[in-house]
Amino acid sequence: MHGWLLPAALAAIAMSARAETIDFDKDPAGALPPGWTSGVTGKGSSRWMVEADAGAPSPPNVLRQSGSGAFPWCVRKDVQLEDGFVEVKFKPLSGREDQAGGVVWRWKDGDNYYIARANALENNVSLYHTENGRRKTIKYVDAPVAGSQWHTLRAEFRGTRIRVILDGKAYMELDDNQLKGAGAVGVWTKADSVTAFDDFSYGPAK
């Protein structure tokens, strides 16, 4: 069926066709995890690296962002999903302007993707799409997001339908058609948020 595809293309199809959880525990500390790409939408810089954290949901390691930029992101470009889910455990550690953790999907490049995020300073969950480097709000919902505690954020997407779940509770379900087609998946922060991430999961829609 795929005999005409190159090996790299076959690998990409296989990668996007199965569910996977990444716990960062076998990745070397002090560096970006292998296979991940990081950057910032807008001004500033990001600093993503694997670090030891004995209190992690699955110790010993987490992925931590400690840079300061408009919208730092870190994605798996080799994973291409159009319909599916992305989920992560995150812990907002500090930040005077923001204490945010988020997931991204249908990531085309650093200027075009969807984001669902939770913010401990604002106690809310929000959904955005970023187009041509400009973040546009789709919806905000009040939600308890305690600082210095682990939370689970999940986004499910199929066609135009998007569902956002925080700590097992669905806070929004709606339709949006701004970004179509497959894209990468990953995690996201905002401004001066210092945030830890663990147990990053993704997979196709069932």
N, C-alpha and C. Protein backbone atom coordinates (compact mmCIF):
# COMPACT_ATOMS: atom_id res chain seq x y z
N MET A 1 0.83 -1.22 0.00
CA MET A 1 0.00 0.00 0.00
C MET A 1 0.85 1.26 0.00
N HIS A 2 1.95 1.21 0.77
CA HIS A 2 2.83 2.38 0.83
C HIS A 2 4.17 2.10 0.15
N GLY A 3 4.18 1.21 -0.85
CA GLY A 3 5.44 0.81 -1.45
C GLY A 3 6.17 1.94 -2.14
N TRP A 4 5.44 2.97 -2.51
CA TRP A 4 6.07 4.09 -3.21
C TRP A 4 6.68 5.11 -2.27
N LEU A 5 6.48 4.96 -0.96
CA LEU A 5 6.99 5.95 -0.01
C LEU A 5 8.41 5.63 0.41
N LEU A 6 9.17 6.69 0.69
CA LEU A 6 10.51 6.53 1.21
C LEU A 6 10.45 6.04 2.66
N PRO A 7 11.52 5.42 3.17
CA PRO A 7 11.53 4.93 4.56
C PRO A 7 11.19 6.00 5.58
N ALA A 8 11.68 7.24 5.37
CA ALA A 8 11.39 8.32 6.32
C ALA A 8 9.90 8.62 6.37
N ALA A 9 9.25 8.58 5.21
CA ALA A 9 7.82 8.84 5.16
C ALA A 9 7.05 7.72 5.84
N LEU A 10 7.49 6.47 5.64
CA LEU A 10 6.86 5.34 6.31
C LEU A 10 6.99 5.47 7.82
N ALA A 11 8.15 5.91 8.29
CA ALA A 11 8.38 6.09 9.72
C ALA A 11 7.46 7.16 10.28
N ALA A 12 7.25 8.23 9.52
CA ALA A 12 6.37 9.30 9.98
C ALA A 12 4.93 8.82 10.09
N ILE A 13 4.50 8.00 9.12
CA ILE A 13 3.15 7.46 9.18
C ILE A 13 2.99 6.57 10.39
N ALA A 14 4.00 5.72 10.64
CA ALA A 14 3.94 4.82 11.81
C ALA A 14 3.92 5.62 13.10
N MET A 15 4.72 6.68 13.16
CA MET A 15 4.79 7.49 14.37
C MET A 15 3.45 8.13 14.67
N SER A 16 2.75 8.61 13.66
CA SER A 16 1.51 9.32 13.88
C SER A 16 0.32 8.38 14.04
N ALA A 17 0.52 7.08 13.78
CA ALA A 17 -0.60 6.15 13.78
C ALA A 17 -0.79 5.43 15.11
N ARG A 18 0.08 5.63 16.07
CA ARG A 18 -0.05 4.92 17.34
C ARG A 18 0.06 5.88 18.51
N ALA A 19 -0.55 5.50 19.61
CA ALA A 19 -0.45 6.29 20.84
C ALA A 19 0.89 6.07 21.50
N GLU A 20 1.41 7.10 22.15
CA GLU A 20 2.70 7.00 22.82
C GLU A 20 2.73 7.95 24.01
N THR A 21 3.44 7.55 25.05
CA THR A 21 3.68 8.41 26.21
C THR A 21 5.18 8.59 26.38
N ILE A 22 5.60 9.83 26.56
CA ILE A 22 7.01 10.17 26.73
C ILE A 22 7.20 10.70 28.14
N ASP A 23 8.06 10.03 28.93
CA ASP A 23 8.27 10.44 30.32
C ASP A 23 9.61 11.12 30.57
N PHE A 24 10.45 11.23 29.55
CA PHE A 24 11.74 11.95 29.61
C PHE A 24 12.75 11.28 30.55
N ASP A 25 12.44 10.10 31.09
CA ASP A 25 13.30 9.50 32.11
C ASP A 25 14.58 8.89 31.55
N LYS A 26 14.61 8.57 30.27
CA LYS A 26 15.82 8.01 29.67
C LYS A 26 16.61 9.07 28.90
N ASP A 27 16.12 10.31 28.93
CA ASP A 27 16.79 11.39 28.21
C ASP A 27 17.85 12.04 29.09
N PRO A 28 18.98 12.45 28.52
CA PRO A 28 20.04 13.06 29.33
C PRO A 28 19.62 14.41 29.89
N ALA A 29 19.89 14.63 31.17
CA ALA A 29 19.57 15.90 31.82
C ALA A 29 20.45 17.01 31.26
N GLY A 30 19.91 18.23 31.26
CA GLY A 30 20.67 19.40 30.83
C GLY A 30 20.58 19.69 29.35
N ALA A 31 19.70 19.01 28.64
CA ALA A 31 19.59 19.22 27.19
C ALA A 31 18.14 19.02 26.76
N LEU A 32 17.84 19.48 25.55
CA LEU A 32 16.54 19.25 24.95
C LEU A 32 16.38 17.75 24.68
N PRO A 33 15.20 17.18 24.90
CA PRO A 33 15.03 15.74 24.62
C PRO A 33 15.28 15.44 23.15
N PRO A 34 15.88 14.31 22.85
CA PRO A 34 16.09 13.93 21.44
C PRO A 34 14.76 13.87 20.69
N GLY A 35 14.76 14.41 19.48
CA GLY A 35 13.56 14.40 18.66
C GLY A 35 12.65 15.58 18.84
N TRP A 36 12.96 16.45 19.80
CA TRP A 36 12.14 17.63 20.06
C TRP A 36 12.80 18.88 19.47
N THR A 37 11.97 19.85 19.10
CA THR A 37 12.43 21.14 18.58
C THR A 37 11.75 22.23 19.40
N SER A 38 12.50 23.27 19.74
CA SER A 38 11.94 24.33 20.57
C SER A 38 12.14 25.70 19.93
N GLY A 39 11.36 26.66 20.40
CA GLY A 39 11.47 28.02 19.91
C GLY A 39 10.47 28.91 20.61
N VAL A 40 10.28 30.11 20.06
CA VAL A 40 9.35 31.09 20.63
C VAL A 40 8.54 31.72 19.51
N THR A 41 7.24 31.84 19.73
CA THR A 41 6.41 32.66 18.85
C THR A 41 6.46 34.08 19.39
N GLY A 42 6.95 35.00 18.60
CA GLY A 42 7.12 36.36 19.08
C GLY A 42 8.51 36.60 19.63
N LYS A 43 8.63 37.59 20.49
CA LYS A 43 9.94 38.00 21.00
C LYS A 43 10.35 37.18 22.23
N GLY A 44 11.65 37.23 22.52
CA GLY A 44 12.18 36.55 23.68
C GLY A 44 12.88 35.27 23.33
N SER A 45 13.13 34.44 24.34
CA SER A 45 13.84 33.19 24.13
C SER A 45 13.25 32.12 25.03
N SER A 46 13.47 30.87 24.64
CA SER A 46 13.00 29.75 25.45
C SER A 46 14.20 28.97 25.97
N ARG A 47 13.99 28.23 27.05
CA ARG A 47 15.05 27.40 27.62
C ARG A 47 14.41 26.10 28.10
N TRP A 48 14.29 25.18 27.18
CA TRP A 48 13.70 23.88 27.48
C TRP A 48 14.82 22.88 27.73
N MET A 49 14.73 22.14 28.83
CA MET A 49 15.70 21.08 29.06
C MET A 49 15.16 20.04 30.03
N VAL A 50 15.71 18.85 29.91
CA VAL A 50 15.37 17.77 30.83
C VAL A 50 16.10 18.00 32.14
N GLU A 51 15.37 17.86 33.25
CA GLU A 51 15.95 18.04 34.57
C GLU A 51 15.43 16.97 35.52
N ALA A 52 16.22 16.65 36.52
CA ALA A 52 15.79 15.70 37.54
C ALA A 52 14.77 16.35 38.46
N ASP A 53 13.75 15.58 38.83
CA ASP A 53 12.72 16.07 39.73
C ASP A 53 12.16 14.87 40.48
N ALA A 54 12.56 14.74 41.74
CA ALA A 54 12.14 13.57 42.53
C ALA A 54 10.64 13.53 42.76
N GLY A 55 9.97 14.70 42.64
CA GLY A 55 8.53 14.75 42.84
C GLY A 55 7.72 14.62 41.57
N ALA A 56 8.37 14.23 40.48
CA ALA A 56 7.67 14.09 39.21
C ALA A 56 6.64 12.98 39.26
N PRO A 57 5.56 13.08 38.48
CA PRO A 57 4.58 11.99 38.43
C PRO A 57 5.21 10.66 38.07
N SER A 58 6.20 10.68 37.16
CA SER A 58 6.98 9.48 36.85
C SER A 58 8.46 9.85 36.93
N PRO A 59 9.05 9.80 38.14
CA PRO A 59 10.44 10.20 38.31
C PRO A 59 11.38 9.25 37.55
N PRO A 60 12.61 9.73 37.22
CA PRO A 60 13.27 10.86 37.88
C PRO A 60 13.27 12.18 37.12
N ASN A 61 12.82 12.22 35.84
CA ASN A 61 13.03 13.43 35.04
C ASN A 61 11.73 14.11 34.63
N VAL A 62 11.86 15.41 34.35
CA VAL A 62 10.80 16.21 33.74
C VAL A 62 11.40 17.04 32.62
N LEU A 63 10.54 17.64 31.81
CA LEU A 63 10.95 18.65 30.84
C LEU A 63 10.57 20.00 31.43
N ARG A 64 11.53 20.91 31.53
CA ARG A 64 11.29 22.19 32.21
C ARG A 64 11.59 23.35 31.27
N GLN A 65 10.71 24.35 31.30
CA GLN A 65 10.92 25.58 30.53
C GLN A 65 11.16 26.72 31.50
N SER A 66 12.30 27.39 31.36
CA SER A 66 12.65 28.46 32.29
C SER A 66 13.11 29.73 31.58
N GLY A 67 12.95 29.80 30.26
CA GLY A 67 13.27 31.02 29.54
C GLY A 67 12.13 32.02 29.66
N SER A 68 12.32 33.19 29.04
CA SER A 68 11.29 34.22 29.07
C SER A 68 11.07 34.74 27.66
N GLY A 69 9.92 34.41 27.09
CA GLY A 69 9.59 34.86 25.75
C GLY A 69 8.09 34.99 25.63
N ALA A 70 7.63 35.52 24.52
CA ALA A 70 6.19 35.71 24.35
C ALA A 70 5.44 34.39 24.53
N PHE A 71 5.74 33.42 23.65
CA PHE A 71 5.07 32.11 23.72
C PHE A 71 6.07 31.00 23.40
N PRO A 72 6.81 30.52 24.38
CA PRO A 72 7.75 29.42 24.15
C PRO A 72 7.02 28.11 23.83
N TRP A 73 7.54 27.36 22.87
CA TRP A 73 6.96 26.07 22.51
C TRP A 73 8.05 25.03 22.32
N CYS A 74 7.65 23.76 22.45
CA CYS A 74 8.57 22.64 22.26
C CYS A 74 7.75 21.50 21.66
N VAL A 75 8.11 21.02 20.46
CA VAL A 75 7.26 20.09 19.72
C VAL A 75 8.06 18.90 19.17
N ARG A 76 7.28 17.85 18.87
CA ARG A 76 7.79 16.69 18.14
C ARG A 76 7.39 16.86 16.68
N LYS A 77 8.30 17.34 15.86
CA LYS A 77 7.99 17.60 14.46
C LYS A 77 7.83 16.31 13.66
N ASP A 78 8.39 15.21 14.17
CA ASP A 78 8.26 13.94 13.45
C ASP A 78 6.91 13.27 13.68
N VAL A 79 6.10 13.82 14.56
CA VAL A 79 4.74 13.32 14.80
C VAL A 79 3.76 14.22 14.05
N GLN A 80 2.95 13.62 13.20
CA GLN A 80 1.99 14.39 12.43
C GLN A 80 0.59 13.83 12.67
N LEU A 81 -0.24 14.61 13.37
CA LEU A 81 -1.61 14.21 13.68
C LEU A 81 -2.58 15.26 13.15
N GLU A 82 -3.65 14.79 12.55
CA GLU A 82 -4.75 15.68 12.18
C GLU A 82 -5.90 15.53 13.18
N ASP A 83 -6.26 14.29 13.48
CA ASP A 83 -7.31 13.99 14.45
C ASP A 83 -6.74 13.09 15.53
N GLY A 84 -6.96 13.45 16.79
CA GLY A 84 -6.42 12.63 17.87
C GLY A 84 -6.49 13.34 19.20
N PHE A 85 -5.48 13.10 20.03
CA PHE A 85 -5.43 13.74 21.34
C PHE A 85 -3.98 14.05 21.69
N VAL A 86 -3.81 15.00 22.58
CA VAL A 86 -2.52 15.30 23.18
C VAL A 86 -2.78 15.60 24.65
N GLU A 87 -1.91 15.08 25.52
CA GLU A 87 -2.12 15.22 26.96
C GLU A 87 -0.77 15.35 27.65
N VAL A 88 -0.73 16.10 28.74
CA VAL A 88 0.51 16.25 29.50
C VAL A 88 0.19 16.54 30.96
N LYS A 89 1.08 16.11 31.83
CA LYS A 89 1.04 16.54 33.22
C LYS A 89 1.97 17.74 33.34
N PHE A 90 1.51 18.80 34.00
CA PHE A 90 2.33 20.00 34.12
C PHE A 90 2.23 20.57 35.53
N LYS A 91 3.28 21.28 35.92
CA LYS A 91 3.33 21.90 37.24
C LYS A 91 3.82 23.34 37.08
N PRO A 92 2.96 24.35 37.31
CA PRO A 92 3.40 25.74 37.25
C PRO A 92 4.25 26.05 38.48
N LEU A 93 5.49 26.41 38.25
CA LEU A 93 6.44 26.60 39.35
C LEU A 93 6.56 28.05 39.79
N SER A 94 6.67 28.97 38.84
CA SER A 94 6.80 30.38 39.19
C SER A 94 6.52 31.24 37.97
N GLY A 95 6.48 32.55 38.20
CA GLY A 95 6.24 33.52 37.14
C GLY A 95 5.44 34.68 37.69
N ARG A 96 5.93 35.89 37.49
CA ARG A 96 5.22 37.07 37.98
C ARG A 96 4.14 37.50 37.00
N GLU A 97 4.39 37.30 35.71
CA GLU A 97 3.42 37.70 34.68
C GLU A 97 2.44 36.57 34.37
N ASP A 98 2.96 35.35 34.30
CA ASP A 98 2.12 34.19 34.00
C ASP A 98 2.70 32.95 34.66
N GLN A 99 1.81 31.98 34.91
CA GLN A 99 2.22 30.65 35.36
C GLN A 99 1.39 29.66 34.57
N ALA A 100 1.79 29.47 33.32
CA ALA A 100 0.97 28.74 32.36
C ALA A 100 1.64 27.46 31.89
N GLY A 101 0.80 26.49 31.57
CA GLY A 101 1.23 25.27 30.91
C GLY A 101 0.22 24.90 29.86
N GLY A 102 0.69 24.46 28.69
CA GLY A 102 -0.25 24.17 27.61
C GLY A 102 0.21 23.05 26.71
N VAL A 103 -0.72 22.61 25.86
CA VAL A 103 -0.42 21.63 24.81
C VAL A 103 -0.73 22.26 23.46
N VAL A 104 0.00 21.85 22.44
CA VAL A 104 -0.23 22.34 21.08
C VAL A 104 -0.46 21.16 20.14
N TRP A 105 -1.21 21.42 19.07
CA TRP A 105 -1.45 20.40 18.05
C TRP A 105 -1.71 21.08 16.71
N ARG A 106 -1.68 20.28 15.67
CA ARG A 106 -1.74 20.79 14.28
C ARG A 106 -0.72 21.91 14.09
N TRP A 107 0.44 21.74 14.69
CA TRP A 107 1.54 22.70 14.63
C TRP A 107 2.17 22.62 13.24
N LYS A 108 2.03 23.67 12.46
CA LYS A 108 2.63 23.71 11.12
C LYS A 108 4.04 24.28 11.17
N ASP A 109 4.17 25.35 11.99
CA ASP A 109 5.47 25.99 12.23
C ASP A 109 5.29 26.85 13.48
N GLY A 110 6.33 27.61 13.83
CA GLY A 110 6.30 28.40 15.06
C GLY A 110 5.28 29.52 15.07
N ASP A 111 4.61 29.74 13.96
CA ASP A 111 3.63 30.82 13.87
C ASP A 111 2.21 30.33 13.62
N ASN A 112 1.99 29.02 13.49
CA ASN A 112 0.68 28.50 13.14
C ASN A 112 0.40 27.19 13.87
N TYR A 113 -0.55 27.22 14.83
CA TYR A 113 -0.88 26.03 15.60
C TYR A 113 -2.03 26.32 16.56
N TYR A 114 -2.62 25.27 17.11
CA TYR A 114 -3.62 25.37 18.17
C TYR A 114 -2.94 25.24 19.53
N ILE A 115 -3.52 25.89 20.55
CA ILE A 115 -3.05 25.77 21.94
C ILE A 115 -4.24 25.65 22.88
N ALA A 116 -4.14 24.74 23.83
CA ALA A 116 -5.00 24.75 25.02
C ALA A 116 -4.07 24.94 26.20
N ARG A 117 -4.43 25.86 27.10
CA ARG A 117 -3.54 26.11 28.22
C ARG A 117 -4.32 26.39 29.50
N ALA A 118 -3.64 26.13 30.63
CA ALA A 118 -4.19 26.44 31.95
C ALA A 118 -3.22 27.38 32.64
N ASN A 119 -3.76 28.33 33.44
CA ASN A 119 -2.93 29.35 34.05
C ASN A 119 -3.23 29.45 35.55
N ALA A 120 -2.18 29.28 36.37
CA ALA A 120 -2.36 29.29 37.82
C ALA A 120 -2.59 30.69 38.37
N LEU A 121 -2.10 31.72 37.71
CA LEU A 121 -2.32 33.08 38.18
C LEU A 121 -3.74 33.56 37.88
N GLU A 122 -4.32 33.06 36.79
CA GLU A 122 -5.65 33.50 36.37
C GLU A 122 -6.74 32.52 36.75
N ASN A 123 -6.35 31.29 37.15
CA ASN A 123 -7.33 30.24 37.44
C ASN A 123 -8.32 30.08 36.29
N ASN A 124 -7.78 29.76 35.12
CA ASN A 124 -8.65 29.50 33.99
C ASN A 124 -7.99 28.56 32.98
N VAL A 125 -8.82 28.07 32.09
CA VAL A 125 -8.39 27.27 30.95
C VAL A 125 -8.79 28.03 29.70
N SER A 126 -7.93 28.03 28.70
CA SER A 126 -8.25 28.77 27.49
C SER A 126 -7.82 28.01 26.24
N LEU A 127 -8.47 28.34 25.15
CA LEU A 127 -8.19 27.74 23.85
C LEU A 127 -7.89 28.85 22.86
N TYR A 128 -6.82 28.66 22.10
CA TYR A 128 -6.40 29.66 21.12
C TYR A 128 -6.03 28.98 19.80
N HIS A 129 -5.98 29.77 18.76
CA HIS A 129 -5.23 29.38 17.57
C HIS A 129 -4.27 30.52 17.24
N THR A 130 -3.08 30.14 16.85
CA THR A 130 -2.07 31.11 16.45
C THR A 130 -1.93 31.05 14.93
N GLU A 131 -2.11 32.17 14.28
CA GLU A 131 -1.98 32.26 12.83
C GLU A 131 -1.05 33.40 12.48
N ASN A 132 -0.07 33.07 11.65
CA ASN A 132 0.91 34.06 11.20
C ASN A 132 1.54 34.79 12.40
N GLY A 133 1.76 34.04 13.48
CA GLY A 133 2.44 34.60 14.64
C GLY A 133 1.56 35.37 15.60
N ARG A 134 0.26 35.44 15.33
CA ARG A 134 -0.65 36.19 16.19
C ARG A 134 -1.60 35.23 16.90
N ARG A 135 -1.59 35.25 18.23
CA ARG A 135 -2.45 34.39 19.02
C ARG A 135 -3.85 34.99 19.10
N LYS A 136 -4.87 34.18 18.80
CA LYS A 136 -6.25 34.64 18.81
C LYS A 136 -7.06 33.75 19.76
N THR A 137 -7.79 34.39 20.67
CA THR A 137 -8.57 33.66 21.67
C THR A 137 -9.83 33.06 21.05
N ILE A 138 -10.04 31.78 21.33
CA ILE A 138 -11.29 31.12 20.94
C ILE A 138 -12.26 31.12 22.12
N LYS A 139 -11.74 30.75 23.33
CA LYS A 139 -12.62 30.72 24.50
C LYS A 139 -11.81 30.67 25.78
N TYR A 140 -12.32 31.32 26.84
CA TYR A 140 -11.79 31.24 28.21
C TYR A 140 -12.85 30.60 29.10
N VAL A 141 -12.42 29.80 30.07
CA VAL A 141 -13.32 29.23 31.06
C VAL A 141 -12.62 29.25 32.42
N ASP A 142 -13.30 29.74 33.45
CA ASP A 142 -12.73 29.71 34.80
C ASP A 142 -12.52 28.27 35.25
N ALA A 143 -11.39 28.02 35.92
CA ALA A 143 -11.08 26.67 36.40
C ALA A 143 -10.02 26.79 37.49
N PRO A 144 -10.07 25.94 38.52
CA PRO A 144 -9.05 25.98 39.56
C PRO A 144 -7.73 25.38 39.06
N VAL A 145 -6.67 26.20 39.11
CA VAL A 145 -5.34 25.74 38.69
C VAL A 145 -4.36 26.14 39.79
N ALA A 146 -4.12 25.27 40.74
CA ALA A 146 -3.25 25.58 41.86
C ALA A 146 -1.79 25.63 41.42
N GLY A 147 -1.06 26.63 41.89
CA GLY A 147 0.37 26.71 41.61
C GLY A 147 1.15 25.67 42.40
N SER A 148 2.31 25.31 41.88
CA SER A 148 3.22 24.35 42.54
C SER A 148 2.57 23.00 42.78
N GLN A 149 1.59 22.66 41.94
CA GLN A 149 0.97 21.34 41.99
C GLN A 149 0.86 20.77 40.58
N TRP A 150 0.87 19.44 40.50
CA TRP A 150 0.75 18.79 39.21
C TRP A 150 -0.71 18.75 38.75
N HIS A 151 -0.90 19.02 37.47
CA HIS A 151 -2.21 18.96 36.83
C HIS A 151 -2.09 18.17 35.54
N THR A 152 -3.23 17.70 35.03
CA THR A 152 -3.26 16.99 33.75
C THR A 152 -4.13 17.77 32.78
N LEU A 153 -3.55 18.14 31.65
CA LEU A 153 -4.26 18.90 30.62
C LEU A 153 -4.33 18.05 29.36
N ARG A 154 -5.52 17.97 28.77
CA ARG A 154 -5.72 17.12 27.59
C ARG A 154 -6.58 17.86 26.57
N ALA A 155 -6.21 17.74 25.31
CA ALA A 155 -7.03 18.25 24.21
C ALA A 155 -7.34 17.11 23.26
N GLU A 156 -8.60 17.00 22.87
CA GLU A 156 -9.04 16.02 21.90
C GLU A 156 -9.57 16.77 20.69
N PHE A 157 -9.22 16.32 19.50
CA PHE A 157 -9.59 17.06 18.30
C PHE A 157 -9.89 16.10 17.15
N ARG A 158 -11.00 16.35 16.49
CA ARG A 158 -11.39 15.56 15.31
C ARG A 158 -12.16 16.48 14.38
N GLY A 159 -11.64 16.70 13.18
CA GLY A 159 -12.27 17.64 12.27
C GLY A 159 -12.28 19.02 12.88
N THR A 160 -13.45 19.62 13.00
CA THR A 160 -13.55 20.95 13.61
C THR A 160 -13.83 20.89 15.11
N ARG A 161 -14.09 19.69 15.63
CA ARG A 161 -14.48 19.55 17.04
C ARG A 161 -13.26 19.51 17.94
N ILE A 162 -13.30 20.30 19.02
CA ILE A 162 -12.20 20.37 19.98
C ILE A 162 -12.78 20.25 21.39
N ARG A 163 -12.15 19.42 22.21
CA ARG A 163 -12.56 19.24 23.60
C ARG A 163 -11.34 19.43 24.48
N VAL A 164 -11.46 20.24 25.53
CA VAL A 164 -10.34 20.54 26.44
C VAL A 164 -10.70 20.06 27.84
N ILE A 165 -9.80 19.28 28.43
CA ILE A 165 -10.05 18.63 29.72
C ILE A 165 -8.91 18.95 30.67
N LEU A 166 -9.25 19.39 31.88
CA LEU A 166 -8.26 19.66 32.91
C LEU A 166 -8.58 18.81 34.14
N ASP A 167 -7.59 18.05 34.58
CA ASP A 167 -7.73 17.20 35.77
C ASP A 167 -9.00 16.36 35.72
N GLY A 168 -9.27 15.80 34.55
CA GLY A 168 -10.38 14.88 34.38
C GLY A 168 -11.73 15.52 34.13
N LYS A 169 -11.81 16.85 34.13
CA LYS A 169 -13.07 17.54 33.90
C LYS A 169 -13.03 18.29 32.57
N ALA A 170 -14.05 18.07 31.74
CA ALA A 170 -14.14 18.77 30.46
C ALA A 170 -14.64 20.20 30.70
N TYR A 171 -13.83 21.17 30.29
CA TYR A 171 -14.19 22.58 30.49
C TYR A 171 -14.73 23.24 29.23
N MET A 172 -14.47 22.65 28.08
CA MET A 172 -15.03 23.22 26.86
C MET A 172 -15.07 22.17 25.77
N GLU A 173 -16.10 22.30 24.93
CA GLU A 173 -16.23 21.48 23.73
C GLU A 173 -16.91 22.34 22.69
N LEU A 174 -16.24 22.53 21.56
CA LEU A 174 -16.75 23.47 20.56
C LEU A 174 -16.16 23.14 19.19
N ASP A 175 -16.57 23.90 18.20
CA ASP A 175 -16.07 23.74 16.84
C ASP A 175 -15.25 24.95 16.43
N ASP A 176 -14.14 24.68 15.76
CA ASP A 176 -13.31 25.74 15.20
C ASP A 176 -12.64 25.18 13.94
N ASN A 177 -12.64 25.95 12.87
CA ASN A 177 -12.13 25.45 11.59
C ASN A 177 -10.95 26.24 11.06
N GLN A 178 -10.23 26.93 11.94
CA GLN A 178 -9.15 27.80 11.47
C GLN A 178 -7.95 27.02 10.94
N LEU A 179 -7.59 25.92 11.60
CA LEU A 179 -6.41 25.17 11.20
C LEU A 179 -6.79 23.74 10.85
N LYS A 180 -6.52 23.36 9.63
CA LYS A 180 -6.87 22.03 9.14
C LYS A 180 -5.62 21.24 8.80
N GLY A 181 -5.77 19.95 8.64
CA GLY A 181 -4.66 19.11 8.23
C GLY A 181 -3.79 18.68 9.40
N ALA A 182 -2.88 17.77 9.11
CA ALA A 182 -2.00 17.23 10.15
C ALA A 182 -0.94 18.23 10.57
N GLY A 183 -0.46 18.07 11.78
CA GLY A 183 0.62 18.91 12.29
C GLY A 183 1.28 18.25 13.48
N ALA A 184 2.34 18.87 13.95
CA ALA A 184 3.08 18.33 15.08
C ALA A 184 2.33 18.57 16.39
N VAL A 185 2.79 17.92 17.45
CA VAL A 185 2.21 18.07 18.79
C VAL A 185 3.33 18.44 19.76
N GLY A 186 2.95 19.10 20.87
CA GLY A 186 3.97 19.48 21.83
C GLY A 186 3.40 20.22 23.02
N VAL A 187 4.27 20.97 23.69
CA VAL A 187 3.90 21.71 24.89
C VAL A 187 4.27 23.18 24.73
N TRP A 188 3.78 24.00 25.66
CA TRP A 188 3.78 25.46 25.44
C TRP A 188 3.74 26.16 26.79
N THR A 189 4.36 27.34 26.87
CA THR A 189 4.21 28.21 28.04
C THR A 189 4.05 29.65 27.56
N LYS A 190 3.98 30.57 28.52
CA LYS A 190 3.79 31.98 28.16
C LYS A 190 4.64 32.87 29.06
N ALA A 191 5.25 33.88 28.45
CA ALA A 191 5.94 34.95 29.17
C ALA A 191 7.03 34.39 30.09
N ASP A 192 6.96 34.73 31.39
CA ASP A 192 8.01 34.32 32.32
C ASP A 192 7.64 33.06 33.10
N SER A 193 6.68 32.30 32.60
CA SER A 193 6.29 31.06 33.27
C SER A 193 7.46 30.10 33.35
N VAL A 194 7.71 29.58 34.55
CA VAL A 194 8.62 28.46 34.74
C VAL A 194 7.74 27.26 35.03
N THR A 195 7.74 26.30 34.12
CA THR A 195 6.79 25.20 34.17
C THR A 195 7.49 23.88 33.91
N ALA A 196 7.12 22.85 34.68
CA ALA A 196 7.64 21.49 34.48
C ALA A 196 6.57 20.65 33.80
N PHE A 197 7.00 19.75 32.91
CA PHE A 197 6.10 18.86 32.19
C PHE A 197 6.57 17.42 32.34
N ASP A 198 5.62 16.49 32.37
CA ASP A 198 5.94 15.07 32.46
C ASP A 198 4.84 14.27 31.77
N ASP A 199 5.16 13.04 31.42
CA ASP A 199 4.19 12.10 30.85
C ASP A 199 3.40 12.73 29.71
N PHE A 200 4.11 13.14 28.69
CA PHE A 200 3.49 13.71 27.50
C PHE A 200 2.95 12.58 26.63
N SER A 201 1.65 12.62 26.32
CA SER A 201 1.01 11.55 25.55
C SER A 201 0.32 12.12 24.32
N TYR A 202 0.25 11.32 23.27
CA TYR A 202 -0.48 11.69 22.06
C TYR A 202 -0.92 10.43 21.35
N GLY A 203 -1.90 10.57 20.47
CA GLY A 203 -2.34 9.43 19.70
C GLY A 203 -3.45 9.80 18.76
N PRO A 204 -3.80 8.89 17.85
CA PRO A 204 -4.85 9.16 16.87
C PRO A 204 -6.22 9.09 17.50
N ALA A 205 -7.20 9.67 16.82
CA ALA A 205 -8.57 9.59 17.28
C ALA A 205 -9.07 8.17 17.18
N LYS A 206 -9.94 7.77 18.11
CA LYS A 206 -10.50 6.41 18.09
C LYS A 206 -11.89 6.42 17.48
